[in-house]
Amino acid sequence: MLRPLLPALRAGLVDLLDAQAAEPGSLQVVLSTGDDLTRSLADGSHPPATPVDAGGARTALATKLRPVDGPDLRIGAARLLDAVGDELAARAEDDRPERVVVLLVGEAAVGDPSHVRERIAHQRSTYAWEVALVDVTSGGIPAAKRPEPAGPAEAATEQAEGATDDGQGTAAVALAERTDGPAAAARFGVPAPATITAGPGAAGVTAALSAATAFVSRARAVQPHEPVDGFSDDERAAAAVADTRPAWRKFLRIA
């Protein structure tokens, strides 16, 4: 269902990477799409995360961004967090980034939220990772109509709302994929202020990723555990754009 939105997704992510590369400080990016990083290996482990610079991530987007071919966003996000965490844990203390920002992009309403909810709560509260979600919808049931029961880990995530990330220097930005609808709501551990629903029109995806670019910049500009301003009402309204394609294009999934 996301295929018609892929050009807008790709362009928005390229703009995000370009904008972040222009920010002060060095930038490291862990880019994950499909099942390249989030697949489970035969021994039950995951492929290692390999940080690259913004230019390397930008080049990879041209060939890697595609409809999801692998685990759903929730499972993929949990494995992504593990992969990035393992990569950072293997570094010397003085080689670790001052700030980690995880941006999840894709269909958030699919899959079991329990494992990723716990991981997000832990990384936010313990290591001050900042996690944001661009919840892309292709016209299904709005996220607000499908509330998730909040478990203990969800409550912990909400209490950790003030937790952001580390300093203003290096940033590791991790990307993955998903689909959904309007309204600000906490989703599988990502706090409501850090979630935005995009689409179902391509213009809405573009607006949401522009808002995400600004969010990542704000997250990189504050100190660890300082609050980050969430998405504004105006940004949410701009991202909630209807799909204006003719019905036959929607049926054939043509942009």
Protein backbone atom coordinates (compact mmCIF):
# COMPACT_ATOMS: atom_id res chain seq x y z
CA MET A 1 0.00 0.00 0.00
CA LEU A 2 2.93 2.36 0.51
CA ARG A 3 4.26 1.96 -3.03
CA PRO A 4 2.62 5.17 -4.42
CA LEU A 5 4.10 7.12 -1.51
CA LEU A 6 7.67 5.89 -1.97
CA PRO A 7 8.80 8.85 -4.16
CA ALA A 8 7.58 11.31 -1.51
CA LEU A 9 9.14 9.23 1.26
CA ARG A 10 12.46 9.03 -0.55
CA ALA A 11 12.54 12.76 -1.35
CA GLY A 12 11.59 13.69 2.22
CA LEU A 13 14.28 11.48 3.72
CA VAL A 14 16.91 12.85 1.33
CA ASP A 15 15.96 16.38 2.39
CA LEU A 16 16.16 15.31 6.05
CA LEU A 17 19.66 13.88 5.59
CA ASP A 18 20.83 16.97 3.70
CA ALA A 19 19.45 19.26 6.40
CA GLN A 20 21.06 17.26 9.21
CA ALA A 21 24.41 17.16 7.42
CA ALA A 22 24.33 20.97 7.40
CA GLU A 23 23.78 21.15 11.18
CA PRO A 24 26.73 21.79 13.55
CA GLY A 25 28.59 18.71 14.73
CA SER A 26 29.40 15.41 13.04
CA LEU A 27 26.66 13.06 11.92
CA GLN A 28 26.52 9.27 11.78
CA VAL A 29 23.54 7.49 10.27
CA VAL A 30 22.28 3.94 10.61
CA LEU A 31 19.81 3.44 7.78
CA SER A 32 17.50 0.44 7.79
CA THR A 33 14.81 -0.36 5.21
CA GLY A 34 13.01 -3.60 4.45
CA ASP A 35 14.77 -6.49 6.18
CA ASP A 36 18.39 -5.50 5.53
CA LEU A 37 19.22 -4.83 9.18
CA THR A 38 16.17 -6.10 11.03
CA ARG A 39 16.05 -9.71 9.77
CA SER A 40 16.81 -12.49 12.22
CA LEU A 41 19.91 -14.55 11.40
CA ALA A 42 20.10 -18.32 11.78
CA ASP A 43 21.64 -18.04 15.24
CA GLY A 44 18.87 -15.70 16.39
CA SER A 45 21.03 -12.60 16.21
CA HIS A 46 20.68 -9.65 13.85
CA PRO A 47 23.00 -8.17 11.24
CA PRO A 48 25.37 -5.56 12.70
CA ALA A 49 24.54 -1.88 12.44
CA THR A 50 27.05 0.00 10.29
CA PRO A 51 27.01 3.79 10.71
CA VAL A 52 27.78 5.87 7.63
CA ASP A 53 27.91 9.59 6.97
CA ALA A 54 24.90 11.47 5.61
CA GLY A 55 26.20 11.19 2.05
CA GLY A 56 26.48 7.42 2.32
CA ALA A 57 22.94 7.14 3.70
CA ARG A 58 21.64 9.44 0.97
CA THR A 59 23.19 7.24 -1.72
CA ALA A 60 21.76 4.10 -0.12
CA LEU A 61 18.24 5.52 -0.19
CA ALA A 62 18.25 5.52 -3.99
CA THR A 63 18.42 1.73 -4.07
CA LYS A 64 17.23 0.57 -0.65
CA LEU A 65 13.91 2.34 -0.15
CA ARG A 66 11.15 -0.02 -1.25
CA PRO A 67 7.87 -1.48 0.02
CA VAL A 68 8.41 -3.39 3.24
CA ASP A 69 9.97 -6.79 2.55
CA GLY A 70 10.59 -8.16 5.99
CA PRO A 71 9.26 -7.72 9.54
CA ASP A 72 6.56 -5.17 10.33
CA LEU A 73 7.63 -1.81 11.77
CA ARG A 74 7.20 -2.81 15.40
CA ILE A 75 9.34 -5.95 15.14
CA GLY A 76 11.78 -4.18 12.85
CA ALA A 77 12.06 -1.24 15.25
CA ALA A 78 12.85 -3.53 18.20
CA ARG A 79 15.61 -5.26 16.21
CA LEU A 80 16.89 -1.92 14.96
CA LEU A 81 17.19 -0.59 18.51
CA ASP A 82 19.08 -3.75 19.50
CA ALA A 83 21.43 -3.46 16.53
CA VAL A 84 22.22 0.21 17.18
CA GLY A 85 22.58 -0.42 20.92
CA ASP A 86 24.99 -3.31 20.35
CA GLU A 87 27.07 -1.22 17.94
CA LEU A 88 27.37 1.62 20.43
CA ALA A 89 28.09 -0.70 23.36
CA ALA A 90 31.05 -2.16 21.44
CA ARG A 91 32.67 1.28 21.15
CA ALA A 92 35.01 2.90 23.60
CA GLU A 93 33.19 5.35 25.85
CA ASP A 94 34.80 8.40 24.28
CA ASP A 95 33.84 7.19 20.79
CA ARG A 96 30.11 7.02 21.45
CA PRO A 97 27.85 9.74 20.04
CA GLU A 98 26.65 12.46 22.35
CA ARG A 99 23.13 12.07 21.03
CA VAL A 100 21.07 9.28 19.47
CA VAL A 101 17.89 10.12 17.57
CA VAL A 102 15.79 7.27 16.21
CA LEU A 103 13.28 8.20 13.51
CA LEU A 104 10.80 5.48 12.58
CA VAL A 105 8.88 5.91 9.32
CA GLY A 106 6.16 3.50 8.20
CA GLU A 107 3.00 1.62 9.19
CA ALA A 108 2.77 1.80 12.99
CA ALA A 109 -0.52 -0.01 13.52
CA VAL A 110 0.71 -3.44 12.41
CA GLY A 111 2.21 -6.06 14.72
CA ASP A 112 2.73 -6.76 18.42
CA PRO A 113 3.83 -3.63 20.32
CA SER A 114 5.02 -5.27 23.55
CA HIS A 115 8.71 -5.87 22.80
CA VAL A 116 9.42 -2.59 21.06
CA ARG A 117 7.50 -0.64 23.72
CA GLU A 118 9.83 -2.00 26.41
CA ARG A 119 12.94 -1.30 24.36
CA ILE A 120 11.91 2.26 23.58
CA ALA A 121 11.09 2.97 27.23
CA HIS A 122 14.45 1.57 28.33
CA GLN A 123 16.56 3.42 25.75
CA ARG A 124 14.78 6.71 26.40
CA SER A 125 14.95 6.57 30.20
CA THR A 126 18.38 4.94 30.61
CA TYR A 127 20.37 6.33 27.70
CA ALA A 128 18.37 9.45 26.77
CA TRP A 129 17.68 8.30 23.21
CA GLU A 130 15.11 10.42 21.41
CA VAL A 131 12.55 8.42 19.42
CA ALA A 132 10.11 9.93 16.91
CA LEU A 133 7.56 8.34 14.59
CA VAL A 134 6.21 9.37 11.20
CA ASP A 135 3.14 7.17 10.97
CA VAL A 136 2.40 6.89 7.25
CA THR A 137 -1.16 6.01 6.31
CA SER A 138 -2.31 4.89 2.89
CA GLY A 139 -5.99 5.31 3.76
CA GLY A 140 -6.74 2.69 6.41
CA ILE A 141 -8.42 3.07 9.79
CA PRO A 142 -7.00 6.10 11.63
CA ALA A 143 -4.63 5.37 14.49
CA ALA A 144 -6.92 7.27 16.86
CA LYS A 145 -9.64 4.68 16.23
CA ARG A 146 -7.37 1.79 17.21
CA PRO A 147 -6.11 2.52 20.74
CA GLU A 148 -3.55 0.19 22.26
CA PRO A 149 -3.83 -0.95 25.86
CA ALA A 150 -1.09 0.78 27.83
CA GLY A 151 1.03 -1.70 29.76
CA PRO A 152 3.58 -0.90 32.49
CA ALA A 153 6.29 -0.23 29.92
CA GLU A 154 4.01 2.22 28.11
CA ALA A 155 3.48 4.09 31.37
CA ALA A 156 7.23 4.18 31.90
CA THR A 157 7.66 5.63 28.45
CA GLU A 158 5.16 8.40 29.15
CA GLN A 159 6.88 9.22 32.45
CA ALA A 160 10.16 9.47 30.54
CA GLU A 161 8.74 12.15 28.25
CA GLY A 162 11.35 14.60 29.44
CA ALA A 163 14.13 12.23 28.33
CA THR A 164 15.71 13.28 25.09
CA ASP A 165 19.22 12.54 24.01
CA ASP A 166 22.78 13.56 24.53
CA GLY A 167 24.52 16.86 23.66
CA GLN A 168 24.86 18.69 20.39
CA GLY A 169 27.63 16.85 18.59
CA THR A 170 27.47 13.48 16.88
CA ALA A 171 24.05 12.02 16.13
CA ALA A 172 23.05 8.55 15.02
CA VAL A 173 19.76 8.62 13.12
CA ALA A 174 18.11 5.24 12.56
CA LEU A 175 15.33 4.87 10.00
CA ALA A 176 12.80 2.08 9.40
CA GLU A 177 9.25 1.70 7.73
CA ARG A 178 5.20 1.75 8.40
CA THR A 179 1.24 3.09 7.69
CA ASP A 180 -1.68 4.82 9.76
CA GLY A 181 -3.91 7.90 10.52
CA PRO A 182 -4.49 11.27 12.30
CA ALA A 183 -4.49 12.56 15.90
CA ALA A 184 -1.65 12.77 18.40
CA ALA A 185 -1.47 9.50 20.32
CA ALA A 186 1.34 7.56 21.95
CA ARG A 187 2.17 4.59 19.72
CA PHE A 188 4.03 1.49 20.93
CA GLY A 189 6.13 3.52 23.35
CA VAL A 190 6.74 6.62 21.21
CA PRO A 191 5.26 9.56 23.17
CA ALA A 192 2.35 11.43 21.63
CA PRO A 193 4.28 14.72 21.13
CA ALA A 194 6.88 12.81 19.07
CA THR A 195 4.39 11.10 16.74
CA ILE A 196 2.88 12.54 13.58
CA THR A 197 0.52 10.92 11.09
CA ALA A 198 1.36 11.41 7.41
CA GLY A 199 -0.91 11.04 4.41
CA PRO A 200 -2.68 9.32 2.86
CA GLY A 201 -1.70 11.88 0.20
CA ALA A 202 1.90 12.30 -0.93
CA ALA A 203 1.82 15.99 0.04
CA GLY A 204 1.07 14.95 3.61
CA VAL A 205 4.08 12.62 3.63
CA THR A 206 6.26 15.46 2.39
CA ALA A 207 4.93 17.79 5.10
CA ALA A 208 5.39 15.17 7.84
CA LEU A 209 8.99 14.48 6.88
CA SER A 210 9.69 18.21 6.79
CA ALA A 211 8.30 18.39 10.33
CA ALA A 212 10.43 15.37 11.29
CA THR A 213 13.51 17.16 9.97
CA ALA A 214 12.79 20.08 12.28
CA PHE A 215 12.12 17.67 15.17
CA VAL A 216 15.48 15.93 14.71
CA SER A 217 17.22 19.31 14.61
CA ARG A 218 15.54 20.33 17.87
CA ALA A 219 16.51 17.01 19.45
CA ARG A 220 20.15 17.49 18.48
CA ALA A 221 20.19 21.03 19.88
CA VAL A 222 19.30 20.25 23.52
CA GLN A 223 21.19 18.56 26.33
CA PRO A 224 20.57 14.99 27.55
CA HIS A 225 17.21 14.50 29.25
CA GLU A 226 16.04 17.98 28.33
CA PRO A 227 12.56 18.00 26.75
CA VAL A 228 12.22 18.35 22.99
CA ASP A 229 9.31 20.33 21.57
CA GLY A 230 6.97 17.91 19.82
CA PHE A 231 5.11 18.26 16.54
CA SER A 232 2.85 21.31 16.43
CA ASP A 233 -0.84 21.38 15.56
CA ASP A 234 0.02 23.20 12.34
CA GLU A 235 2.52 20.51 11.37
CA ARG A 236 -0.02 17.78 12.10
CA ALA A 237 -2.66 19.54 10.02
CA ALA A 238 -0.25 19.98 7.09
CA ALA A 239 0.64 16.28 7.23
CA ALA A 240 -2.97 15.06 7.24
CA VAL A 241 -3.57 15.48 3.50
CA ALA A 242 -6.11 13.45 1.58
CA ASP A 243 -5.15 11.17 -1.29
CA THR A 244 -6.37 13.04 -4.38
CA ARG A 245 -5.40 10.42 -6.95
CA PRO A 246 -8.20 9.16 -9.23
CA ALA A 247 -9.84 5.96 -8.01
CA TRP A 248 -8.30 3.87 -10.77
CA ARG A 249 -4.80 4.98 -9.75
CA LYS A 250 -5.53 4.06 -6.13
CA PHE A 251 -6.81 0.64 -7.24
CA LEU A 252 -3.68 0.01 -9.31
CA ARG A 253 -1.47 1.59 -6.62
CA ILE A 254 -0.02 4.09 -9.08
CA ALA A 255 1.36 7.38 -7.79
